[in-house]
Structures are given as structure tokens and as C-alpha cells.
Amino acid sequence: MGFSLVHGLEVTSSYGKILLDFAICPIVRREPMNYPGLPDGLEVEILRKEVPGFHYNKYRDGYLLTEDFQGADVIYKGRPERKSENLFRYTDDSAVMGSVYVYWVTTSLNERPLGPVHVRVVDNDIIWAHEKTTGECRRIASLYDGVILESHGLSVRGNEMISLKKGNMENAVIIIGGVHAAEAGQFTALDVFERFCALNDGLLFENVGLAVMPSANPDEADRMAKGHTYYLRKNAAGVDLNRNFPSDWEVVDEMYGLNTADPTSLTYRGPVPVSEPESKAIIKFIESTVPRAVFSLHCYPGGITFDQFFGPGAAKDDAAYVKECTELAHSYTEGFRKGEYPGQLFLSFGTTPGSLPLWIYRTFNVPSFDMEAWEWFVRNHPMALQACEFKADIEMMQDIAVRHFDGIMKYIEEVLLI
């Protein structure tokens, strides 16, 4: 370990720019004779190295900590913006959207550069912070008559767990986004909901309702929006919310080769059922309706998920339930597909103990799915490949959202309203 005049280096992405925040070591105030002119006369160097080919879901935390500053480019030398007496900020506006970078900061008095810190350059119109999600919810609630905005509690870090509802909540279709923060969520859920509101069909609203909780893991959604490079699955307390529900809790699952009873596992279920405030809020939200079907959006960042219905594993031998799910899936996929992959239905039963779909099945016995993109040829769909590299754009997200809206409306018309 070498002496570093700078410390506390943090990096975040904000609307395509990279913010590097750091402090000057307090020793410069305690020993001014040894460090004349500092920090006012401080000059720093910022080093940067791009990491091409980094895949957020392939590599795990710690992978980039082995990056070495040798070969990094010096992108800045001078006096950065001063935030307070000992706090400084450098803004890198030359980073390329979607790319992953590693940074170091140094001075002539450092024995070696401070770092590495790493970040992905995020488009915050695609990857939403919780503030944007709540703003969009309030906008929709104020724009359309009959929309109810509700709060169902606070997350681990105090973010409000909110939902929107419109129509008959005694016959409700439910959409939940972002249970896993690195997967689909806010945009799709709210776009579908707003299209439903815009129908302006009083008779429809009397017969059926739509309720959405667009961001079920808001703390980690905020981390994604700030450029966190690795896959974020668990909540801020380290619990996989999709294993935390009170369903078949006595069964320890090892899907993906991960143990749900292991606190270090990406699928850790938590110490007890419904230990997490987010799980409590989701349950409170769903129990405030009479659900007829529940869709939990998963798969790719930027709201990209497909019409692949992954239902509760324990229900695979329940013939009546499978029949009901099959009818739903046929209608939904007809609306969603628009002629793609004709005749193919993506319906499977395998969600684990503690999962949201299994809890819905055990509690309400209604169709409930994690919406995924796990079949080989859909993973190789151009949209999926683009989204997987954090290159989704607004047009793509809107196209997917329209497909989901058309699928849900086809289901409502052909199944719920007959």
C-alpha cells in the first residue's frame, strides 16, 4: 500500500456523464508546511481505461478490481471542480453511452494512483432512477381521471413503494416491475398502464381494472441508474425478493446452482419469509385488489422482456390451473407476437419456493408469471441482443411495451370479458 493524497474516490453515471468525486487527505491540513499550497494549488491526473466486452450478467462483483492502471489513458490533468474545502469533482463528458470504464485518480505526491473504480455510462431515459419513476407515476395520476396513486410502505433505504390503479379492482390484472433491479420494469409497466388509461372506455373500466407497481426494488434500481456495472438481483439488504415470499418456505432450492439458504448466494431467500419491506409492500399491494392474473416483468435492462410465461413450479401437475394459464398465454401471445414465431407458445412452470408466482398460486390460485426471454431463439432476437448490451433505445422500449399492452388487452377481451 502506498501513500495517497486523495481518498474516498466514488464514481457515478448521470445522463451520459461520469462524475468522479474524491477528497483530499486531512494530512494536508495538519501538516501545511509539508504540503504548501494544497489543496488550493492541487493538480490531479485522471486515468481511464475502457473495458470492452464486459457483460453485466456474466461477471460478478470484484471482477474489475483486478484492473491495473498500466495502459490507462490520462484524460485530465489540472484543478478539478471544488465542491467544498476538501471535496472535489471531475466530470467526464467524453465517455461513450453504454460503455464500461475503470478510473484512477492521482497526484504528483501519490505513490500510486487511487483506484480502480468502475462504472457503466447509463442513459437515464432508459435506466430509470426512482425519482423519475415516482415523477412519471404522479404525472399519469394527475392526467387521467379515476387513476389512484397509492403508497404501500418504504424500501430498505426509505424509498416509497408506490402503485397506480384504474378500473374495477375486484377484477384486476396486475403488473409488477423490477423485482430484480437489473431486469425489466418501470418503463414497460407504466407505458402499458398509461395506454390502458387513454382508452377512455367507461364500460371497460367498470368490468376490469389494471394495477401496476412499476419498481418493486427501488433502492437497487437507483444503483443501476447511477451506473453500477454488475448484475443487481437482490435488494439493498442482500435478499432475493423473488425467493422471499411465504410459499413452500421449507424447501431449499438450488436453481442455477445457487442455494437459497446461503446468505452469500445471489438467490438468498432471507432469514424468514417476508423479512423484507419490499416483499411486505408487494403483498399489501396485491391484497388490495382481487387479482385475476399477475405479470412480474423480468429479463433485460431498459424494460425489455418478452411473452414468455414462467409460472409456479408447484402448479405443473394442476391440470385446471395449467389449462387456465394456457388460455391466457394463447390470447396474450397472439396480441404480442404480431406474426413472429407463429404457432409457438412460450409457457413453462418452474418458479421456485418463495417466488412471487408461487405465492400468488398458493394464495389466489390465479395465473401468475415471471415474464422472461429464456428460449434460445428469443435470446438471439435482435431486440434481446441489443438490450443485453445496455443498448436499448426509446423506440425499442415503446415497441415492446405496445406488444405487452396488445397482449394484455387481447387476454382481457378474449378471457376476462366473456
Protein backbone atom coordinates (compact mmCIF):
# COMPACT_ATOMS: atom_id res chain seq x y z
CA MET A 1 0.00 0.00 0.00
CA GLY A 2 1.30 3.44 -0.90
CA PHE A 3 0.58 6.95 0.33
CA SER A 4 -2.30 8.67 -1.49
CA LEU A 5 -3.08 12.34 -1.17
CA VAL A 6 -6.62 11.68 -2.42
CA HIS A 7 -9.16 9.30 -0.89
CA GLY A 8 -12.85 8.44 -0.86
CA LEU A 9 -13.00 8.05 -4.64
CA GLU A 10 -16.55 7.42 -5.91
CA VAL A 11 -17.89 7.23 -9.45
CA THR A 12 -21.44 7.57 -10.78
CA SER A 13 -23.15 7.93 -14.14
CA SER A 14 -25.70 10.67 -14.67
CA TYR A 15 -27.44 11.24 -18.02
CA GLY A 16 -24.44 10.10 -20.04
CA LYS A 17 -21.78 11.88 -18.00
CA ILE A 18 -19.43 10.31 -15.46
CA LEU A 19 -18.95 12.05 -12.11
CA LEU A 20 -15.79 11.34 -10.11
CA ASP A 21 -15.93 12.59 -6.51
CA PHE A 22 -12.96 12.45 -4.17
CA ALA A 23 -11.43 14.14 -1.12
CA ILE A 24 -8.04 15.44 -0.12
CA CYS A 25 -6.32 13.60 2.70
CA PRO A 26 -6.69 15.53 6.02
CA ILE A 27 -2.92 15.41 6.48
CA VAL A 28 -2.61 18.46 4.24
CA ARG A 29 -4.42 20.48 6.90
CA ARG A 30 -2.49 19.01 9.80
CA GLU A 31 0.94 19.47 8.18
CA PRO A 32 0.66 22.59 5.96
CA MET A 33 4.44 23.14 5.95
CA ASN A 34 4.96 19.80 4.19
CA TYR A 35 2.22 20.42 1.60
CA PRO A 36 2.46 24.11 0.64
CA GLY A 37 -0.35 25.47 -1.50
CA LEU A 38 -2.61 22.46 -1.06
CA PRO A 39 -5.44 21.92 -1.67
CA ASP A 40 -5.91 25.26 -3.47
CA GLY A 41 -2.99 24.58 -5.76
CA LEU A 42 -3.78 20.91 -6.20
CA GLU A 43 -3.35 19.35 -9.63
CA VAL A 44 -4.66 15.88 -10.21
CA GLU A 45 -4.48 13.38 -13.01
CA ILE A 46 -7.50 11.31 -14.02
CA LEU A 47 -6.73 7.99 -15.71
CA ARG A 48 -9.32 5.96 -17.61
CA LYS A 49 -9.44 2.58 -19.25
CA GLU A 50 -12.36 1.18 -21.24
CA VAL A 51 -13.36 -2.45 -20.61
CA PRO A 52 -14.89 -3.68 -23.88
CA GLY A 53 -16.90 -6.86 -23.80
CA PHE A 54 -17.82 -6.60 -20.11
CA HIS A 55 -21.16 -8.35 -19.61
CA TYR A 56 -23.20 -7.32 -16.57
CA ASN A 57 -24.76 -10.76 -16.07
CA LYS A 58 -21.67 -12.85 -16.79
CA TYR A 59 -19.17 -11.32 -14.38
CA ARG A 60 -19.67 -10.95 -10.64
CA ASP A 61 -18.69 -8.30 -8.10
CA GLY A 62 -14.93 -7.96 -7.83
CA TYR A 63 -14.09 -8.81 -11.43
CA LEU A 64 -12.96 -5.27 -12.30
CA LEU A 65 -10.98 -4.82 -9.08
CA THR A 66 -8.08 -6.61 -10.77
CA GLU A 67 -7.76 -3.93 -13.47
CA ASP A 68 -4.36 -2.24 -13.43
CA PHE A 69 -3.72 1.41 -14.30
CA GLN A 70 -0.85 0.44 -16.61
CA GLY A 71 -2.01 1.26 -20.13
CA ALA A 72 -4.77 3.59 -18.96
CA ASP A 73 -5.17 6.96 -20.71
CA VAL A 74 -4.63 10.23 -18.87
CA ILE A 75 -7.83 12.08 -19.74
CA TYR A 76 -7.35 15.08 -17.44
CA LYS A 77 -4.58 16.98 -15.65
CA GLY A 78 -5.37 20.11 -13.71
CA ARG A 79 -7.54 21.51 -10.95
CA PRO A 80 -10.99 19.92 -10.86
CA GLU A 81 -14.22 21.49 -9.62
CA ARG A 82 -14.14 22.13 -5.89
CA LYS A 83 -17.30 21.08 -4.02
CA SER A 84 -16.15 22.13 -0.53
CA GLU A 85 -12.91 22.70 1.37
CA ASN A 86 -11.53 19.21 0.80
CA LEU A 87 -14.03 17.71 -1.67
CA PHE A 88 -13.58 17.75 -5.43
CA ARG A 89 -15.43 16.60 -8.54
CA TYR A 90 -14.30 15.83 -12.06
CA THR A 91 -16.93 15.41 -14.80
CA ASP A 92 -16.05 13.17 -17.73
CA ASP A 93 -18.38 14.06 -20.60
CA SER A 94 -16.37 12.19 -23.24
CA ALA A 95 -17.46 8.69 -22.17
CA VAL A 96 -19.49 6.68 -24.67
CA MET A 97 -23.03 5.67 -23.74
CA GLY A 98 -23.31 2.01 -22.74
CA SER A 99 -19.57 1.52 -22.26
CA VAL A 100 -17.87 0.33 -19.08
CA TYR A 101 -14.85 2.27 -17.77
CA VAL A 102 -12.35 1.96 -14.95
CA TYR A 103 -10.88 5.12 -13.40
CA TRP A 104 -7.96 6.12 -11.19
CA VAL A 105 -7.02 9.48 -9.61
CA THR A 106 -3.50 10.53 -8.68
CA THR A 107 -1.24 13.49 -7.86
CA SER A 108 2.50 14.04 -8.04
CA LEU A 109 2.65 13.19 -4.31
CA ASN A 110 0.86 9.85 -4.66
CA GLU A 111 2.99 6.73 -4.57
CA ARG A 112 0.46 5.08 -6.91
CA PRO A 113 -2.92 6.07 -8.38
CA LEU A 114 -6.02 5.66 -6.26
CA GLY A 115 -8.46 3.16 -7.76
CA PRO A 116 -9.76 1.32 -9.57
CA VAL A 117 -13.40 2.41 -9.53
CA HIS A 118 -15.70 1.30 -12.31
CA VAL A 119 -18.93 2.47 -13.91
CA ARG A 120 -21.20 1.94 -16.90
CA VAL A 121 -22.31 5.02 -18.83
CA VAL A 122 -26.10 4.89 -18.46
CA ASP A 123 -28.84 6.60 -20.42
CA ASN A 124 -31.24 7.64 -17.67
CA ASP A 125 -34.12 7.89 -20.11
CA ILE A 126 -33.68 4.12 -20.46
CA ILE A 127 -32.44 3.08 -16.99
CA TRP A 128 -34.67 4.98 -14.56
CA ALA A 129 -33.85 6.28 -11.12
CA HIS A 130 -36.63 6.03 -8.54
CA GLU A 131 -37.17 9.79 -8.69
CA LYS A 132 -38.05 9.51 -12.39
CA THR A 133 -40.38 6.58 -11.68
CA THR A 134 -42.29 8.47 -8.98
CA GLY A 135 -42.44 11.55 -11.19
CA GLU A 136 -43.97 9.57 -14.02
CA CYS A 137 -46.47 7.97 -11.64
CA ARG A 138 -47.59 11.37 -10.37
CA ARG A 139 -47.83 12.72 -13.92
CA ILE A 140 -50.09 9.85 -15.01
CA ALA A 141 -52.23 10.11 -11.86
CA SER A 142 -52.80 13.83 -12.47
CA LEU A 143 -53.52 13.42 -16.19
CA TYR A 144 -56.20 10.71 -16.23
CA ASP A 145 -59.48 10.62 -14.36
CA GLY A 146 -60.03 7.74 -11.99
CA VAL A 147 -56.35 6.86 -11.51
CA ILE A 148 -55.45 6.09 -7.91
CA LEU A 149 -51.85 6.52 -6.70
CA GLU A 150 -51.13 4.59 -3.51
CA SER A 151 -48.17 4.06 -1.21
CA HIS A 152 -47.59 0.62 0.26
CA GLY A 153 -44.61 1.30 2.52
CA LEU A 154 -40.92 2.08 2.29
CA SER A 155 -37.98 0.09 0.94
CA VAL A 156 -34.87 -0.79 2.95
CA ARG A 157 -33.38 2.64 2.18
CA GLY A 158 -36.62 4.55 2.60
CA ASN A 159 -37.86 4.82 -0.98
CA GLU A 160 -41.63 4.88 -1.31
CA MET A 161 -43.23 1.75 -2.76
CA ILE A 162 -45.99 3.15 -4.97
CA SER A 163 -48.65 1.79 -7.31
CA LEU A 164 -51.18 3.06 -9.81
CA LYS A 165 -54.70 1.65 -10.25
CA LYS A 166 -57.57 2.29 -12.60
CA GLY A 167 -60.83 0.44 -13.16
CA ASN A 168 -62.52 -2.39 -11.30
CA MET A 169 -60.13 -3.66 -8.64
CA GLU A 170 -62.49 -6.58 -7.96
CA ASN A 171 -61.37 -7.97 -11.34
CA ALA A 172 -57.80 -6.77 -11.64
CA VAL A 173 -54.83 -7.52 -13.87
CA ILE A 174 -51.57 -6.83 -12.01
CA ILE A 175 -48.16 -5.80 -13.42
CA ILE A 176 -45.07 -5.66 -11.19
CA GLY A 177 -41.76 -4.34 -12.47
CA GLY A 178 -38.18 -4.59 -11.31
CA VAL A 179 -38.31 -7.27 -8.61
CA HIS A 180 -34.76 -7.87 -9.84
CA ALA A 181 -33.36 -4.37 -10.31
CA ALA A 182 -31.20 -5.23 -13.34
CA GLU A 183 -34.23 -6.53 -15.22
CA ALA A 184 -37.34 -5.13 -16.89
CA GLY A 185 -39.60 -2.79 -15.02
CA GLN A 186 -40.62 0.81 -14.82
CA PHE A 187 -40.98 1.96 -18.42
CA THR A 188 -42.92 -1.06 -19.65
CA ALA A 189 -45.25 -1.20 -16.65
CA LEU A 190 -46.11 2.50 -16.82
CA ASP A 191 -46.37 2.65 -20.60
CA VAL A 192 -48.86 -0.24 -20.59
CA PHE A 193 -50.80 1.40 -17.77
CA GLU A 194 -50.99 4.79 -19.50
CA ARG A 195 -52.19 3.19 -22.74
CA PHE A 196 -54.93 1.48 -20.71
CA CYS A 197 -55.95 4.81 -19.15
CA ALA A 198 -56.00 6.50 -22.57
CA LEU A 199 -58.68 4.08 -23.85
CA ASN A 200 -61.28 6.29 -22.13
CA ASP A 201 -63.68 3.32 -22.08
CA GLY A 202 -66.00 3.65 -19.10
CA LEU A 203 -67.62 0.26 -19.70
CA LEU A 204 -64.24 -1.45 -19.79
CA PHE A 205 -63.17 0.23 -16.54
CA GLU A 206 -66.40 -0.89 -14.87
CA ASN A 207 -65.64 -4.50 -15.71
CA VAL A 208 -61.88 -4.85 -15.34
CA GLY A 209 -59.02 -2.97 -13.73
CA LEU A 210 -55.28 -2.64 -14.20
CA ALA A 211 -52.89 -2.08 -11.29
CA VAL A 212 -49.13 -1.60 -11.57
CA MET A 213 -46.22 -1.40 -9.14
CA PRO A 214 -43.54 -0.26 -11.58
CA SER A 215 -40.49 -0.53 -9.32
CA ALA A 216 -40.51 -3.27 -6.69
CA ASN A 217 -36.81 -2.92 -5.81
CA PRO A 218 -36.27 0.86 -5.92
CA ASP A 219 -33.03 1.05 -3.93
CA GLU A 220 -31.12 -1.15 -6.33
CA ALA A 221 -32.88 0.42 -9.31
CA ASP A 222 -31.22 3.65 -8.20
CA ARG A 223 -27.83 1.91 -8.18
CA MET A 224 -28.45 0.69 -11.71
CA ALA A 225 -29.37 4.22 -12.75
CA LYS A 226 -26.07 5.50 -11.32
CA GLY A 227 -24.04 3.14 -13.50
CA HIS A 228 -23.44 0.07 -11.33
CA THR A 229 -21.65 -2.32 -13.65
CA TYR A 230 -22.64 -5.72 -12.26
CA TYR A 231 -25.96 -7.54 -12.33
CA LEU A 232 -28.17 -6.39 -9.43
CA ARG A 233 -30.63 -9.07 -8.36
CA LYS A 234 -31.07 -8.74 -4.59
CA ASN A 235 -32.42 -5.83 -2.57
CA ALA A 236 -30.26 -3.45 -0.51
CA ALA A 237 -30.29 -5.92 2.42
CA GLY A 238 -28.91 -8.73 0.24
CA VAL A 239 -32.14 -10.72 -0.21
CA ASP A 240 -33.59 -12.00 -3.48
CA LEU A 241 -37.17 -10.73 -3.27
CA ASN A 242 -38.29 -13.43 -5.67
CA ARG A 243 -37.38 -16.04 -3.06
CA ASN A 244 -38.73 -14.14 -0.01
CA PHE A 245 -42.47 -14.82 -0.31
CA PRO A 246 -44.24 -17.19 2.13
CA SER A 247 -44.74 -20.13 -0.22
CA ASP A 248 -43.19 -23.59 0.29
CA TRP A 249 -40.59 -21.95 2.52
CA GLU A 250 -39.44 -25.27 3.97
CA VAL A 251 -37.89 -26.21 0.60
CA VAL A 252 -34.33 -25.01 -0.04
CA ASP A 253 -33.88 -24.50 -3.79
CA GLU A 254 -30.70 -24.73 -5.87
CA MET A 255 -31.74 -23.28 -9.21
CA TYR A 256 -28.75 -22.00 -11.21
CA GLY A 257 -26.54 -23.99 -8.82
CA LEU A 258 -27.21 -21.38 -6.10
CA ASN A 259 -28.52 -22.20 -2.63
CA THR A 260 -31.42 -20.07 -1.39
CA ALA A 261 -30.43 -20.64 2.26
CA ASP A 262 -26.91 -19.25 1.70
CA PRO A 263 -26.63 -15.52 2.57
CA THR A 264 -23.80 -15.16 0.03
CA SER A 265 -25.92 -16.55 -2.80
CA LEU A 266 -27.49 -14.34 -5.45
CA THR A 267 -30.75 -16.17 -4.72
CA TYR A 268 -30.61 -15.86 -0.92
CA ARG A 269 -34.21 -16.06 0.33
CA GLY A 270 -33.68 -14.10 3.55
CA PRO A 271 -33.75 -15.12 7.22
CA VAL A 272 -37.54 -15.66 7.40
CA PRO A 273 -40.49 -15.40 4.98
CA VAL A 274 -41.41 -11.80 4.08
CA SER A 275 -38.45 -10.43 6.00
CA GLU A 276 -38.06 -7.56 3.54
CA PRO A 277 -40.08 -4.33 3.44
CA GLU A 278 -40.34 -4.61 -0.35
CA SER A 279 -41.95 -8.06 -0.09
CA LYS A 280 -44.38 -6.72 2.50
CA ALA A 281 -45.26 -3.82 0.19
CA ILE A 282 -45.83 -6.12 -2.80
CA ILE A 283 -48.13 -8.35 -0.75
CA LYS A 284 -50.03 -5.32 0.58
CA PHE A 285 -50.42 -4.02 -2.97
CA ILE A 286 -51.73 -7.29 -4.40
CA GLU A 287 -54.05 -7.92 -1.44
CA SER A 288 -55.62 -4.50 -2.02
CA THR A 289 -57.14 -5.96 -5.23
CA VAL A 290 -58.90 -9.11 -6.35
CA PRO A 291 -56.28 -10.32 -8.84
CA ARG A 292 -57.22 -12.28 -11.94
CA ALA A 293 -53.69 -12.51 -13.35
CA VAL A 294 -50.27 -11.26 -12.23
CA PHE A 295 -47.35 -10.47 -14.53
CA SER A 296 -43.91 -9.83 -13.00
CA LEU A 297 -41.52 -8.31 -15.55
CA HIS A 298 -38.04 -9.83 -15.76
CA CYS A 299 -35.13 -10.30 -18.15
CA TYR A 300 -33.30 -7.31 -19.68
CA PRO A 301 -32.49 -3.77 -18.51
CA GLY A 302 -34.41 -0.98 -20.16
CA GLY A 303 -37.84 -2.62 -19.92
CA ILE A 304 -37.18 -5.36 -22.48
CA THR A 305 -38.96 -8.62 -21.80
CA PHE A 306 -40.97 -10.99 -23.96
CA ASP A 307 -44.18 -13.03 -23.93
CA GLN A 308 -42.60 -15.99 -22.17
CA PHE A 309 -44.69 -17.15 -19.28
CA PHE A 310 -42.72 -18.79 -16.46
CA GLY A 311 -45.28 -19.98 -13.94
CA PRO A 312 -45.08 -21.60 -10.47
CA GLY A 313 -43.22 -24.89 -10.49
CA ALA A 314 -45.55 -26.48 -7.95
CA ALA A 315 -48.51 -25.97 -10.32
CA LYS A 316 -47.21 -28.01 -13.24
CA ASP A 317 -49.44 -31.01 -12.37
CA ASP A 318 -52.54 -28.93 -11.60
CA ALA A 319 -54.48 -29.60 -14.79
CA ALA A 320 -57.18 -26.97 -14.25
CA TYR A 321 -54.63 -24.30 -13.44
CA VAL A 322 -52.42 -25.21 -16.40
CA LYS A 323 -55.47 -25.03 -18.68
CA GLU A 324 -56.34 -21.55 -17.40
CA CYS A 325 -52.74 -20.38 -17.86
CA THR A 326 -52.65 -21.85 -21.37
CA GLU A 327 -55.79 -19.96 -22.39
CA LEU A 328 -54.28 -16.74 -21.06
CA ALA A 329 -50.95 -17.34 -22.80
CA HIS A 330 -52.58 -18.09 -26.18
CA SER A 331 -54.52 -14.83 -26.13
CA TYR A 332 -51.63 -12.75 -24.81
CA THR A 333 -49.10 -14.12 -27.26
CA GLU A 334 -51.43 -13.57 -30.22
CA GLY A 335 -51.54 -9.90 -29.34
CA PHE A 336 -47.84 -9.69 -28.55
CA ARG A 337 -46.28 -11.64 -31.42
CA LYS A 338 -47.78 -9.82 -34.40
CA GLY A 339 -46.95 -12.79 -36.61
CA GLU A 340 -43.48 -13.58 -35.23
CA TYR A 341 -42.76 -17.23 -34.44
CA PRO A 342 -46.28 -18.31 -35.49
CA GLY A 343 -47.74 -21.25 -33.61
CA GLN A 344 -45.13 -21.17 -30.85
CA LEU A 345 -46.22 -20.76 -27.25
CA PHE A 346 -43.72 -19.96 -24.50
CA LEU A 347 -45.29 -21.38 -21.35
CA SER A 348 -43.43 -23.28 -18.64
CA PHE A 349 -43.82 -23.97 -14.92
CA GLY A 350 -40.75 -23.78 -12.74
CA THR A 351 -40.57 -20.73 -10.48
CA THR A 352 -39.12 -21.71 -7.14
CA PRO A 353 -40.21 -21.88 -3.50
CA GLY A 354 -40.51 -18.33 -2.17
CA SER A 355 -41.16 -16.87 -5.62
CA LEU A 356 -43.89 -14.34 -6.29
CA PRO A 357 -45.73 -16.54 -8.86
CA LEU A 358 -45.80 -19.46 -6.42
CA TRP A 359 -47.17 -17.28 -3.61
CA ILE A 360 -49.87 -15.95 -5.97
CA TYR A 361 -50.79 -19.52 -6.93
CA ARG A 362 -50.95 -20.73 -3.33
CA THR A 363 -52.89 -17.68 -2.14
CA PHE A 364 -55.23 -16.76 -5.00
CA ASN A 365 -55.00 -19.70 -7.44
CA VAL A 366 -54.86 -17.33 -10.43
CA PRO A 367 -52.39 -17.26 -13.35
CA SER A 368 -49.13 -15.66 -12.29
CA PHE A 369 -45.90 -15.47 -14.24
CA ASP A 370 -42.38 -14.16 -14.34
CA MET A 371 -42.24 -12.69 -17.85
CA GLU A 372 -38.94 -13.78 -19.36
CA ALA A 373 -36.86 -14.29 -22.51
CA TRP A 374 -35.16 -17.58 -21.83
CA GLU A 375 -35.70 -19.61 -25.02
CA TRP A 376 -32.65 -19.81 -27.28
CA PHE A 377 -34.10 -18.15 -30.37
CA VAL A 378 -35.67 -15.33 -28.39
CA ARG A 379 -32.39 -14.67 -26.60
CA ASN A 380 -30.98 -14.33 -30.11
CA HIS A 381 -33.74 -11.93 -31.17
CA PRO A 382 -32.15 -8.60 -32.28
CA MET A 383 -34.02 -6.73 -29.55
CA ALA A 384 -32.79 -9.11 -26.87
CA LEU A 385 -29.18 -8.92 -28.05
CA GLN A 386 -29.28 -5.13 -28.16
CA ALA A 387 -30.91 -4.83 -24.72
CA CYS A 388 -28.44 -7.26 -23.18
CA GLU A 389 -25.63 -4.84 -24.07
CA PHE A 390 -27.44 -1.87 -22.50
CA LYS A 391 -28.19 -0.53 -25.97
CA ALA A 392 -31.97 -0.44 -25.81
CA ASP A 393 -33.47 2.81 -27.07
CA ILE A 394 -36.81 4.53 -26.58
CA GLU A 395 -38.23 3.21 -29.86
CA MET A 396 -37.40 -0.38 -28.91
CA MET A 397 -38.85 0.04 -25.43
CA GLN A 398 -42.03 1.53 -26.85
CA ASP A 399 -42.36 -1.32 -29.34
CA ILE A 400 -42.05 -3.92 -26.56
CA ALA A 401 -44.48 -2.01 -24.33
CA VAL A 402 -47.06 -1.79 -27.12
CA ARG A 403 -46.71 -5.54 -27.65
CA HIS A 404 -47.36 -6.17 -23.95
CA PHE A 405 -50.32 -3.80 -23.98
CA ASP A 406 -51.80 -5.56 -27.01
CA GLY A 407 -51.22 -8.93 -25.35
CA ILE A 408 -52.92 -7.90 -22.11
CA MET A 409 -55.87 -6.35 -23.95
CA LYS A 410 -56.27 -9.50 -26.07
CA TYR A 411 -56.36 -11.54 -22.85
CA ILE A 412 -58.86 -9.16 -21.26
CA GLU A 413 -61.14 -9.23 -24.29
CA GLU A 414 -60.96 -12.96 -25.00
CA VAL A 415 -60.83 -14.34 -21.46
CA LEU A 416 -61.83 -11.89 -18.74
CA LEU A 417 -64.76 -10.23 -20.51
CA ILE A 418 -66.51 -13.27 -21.98
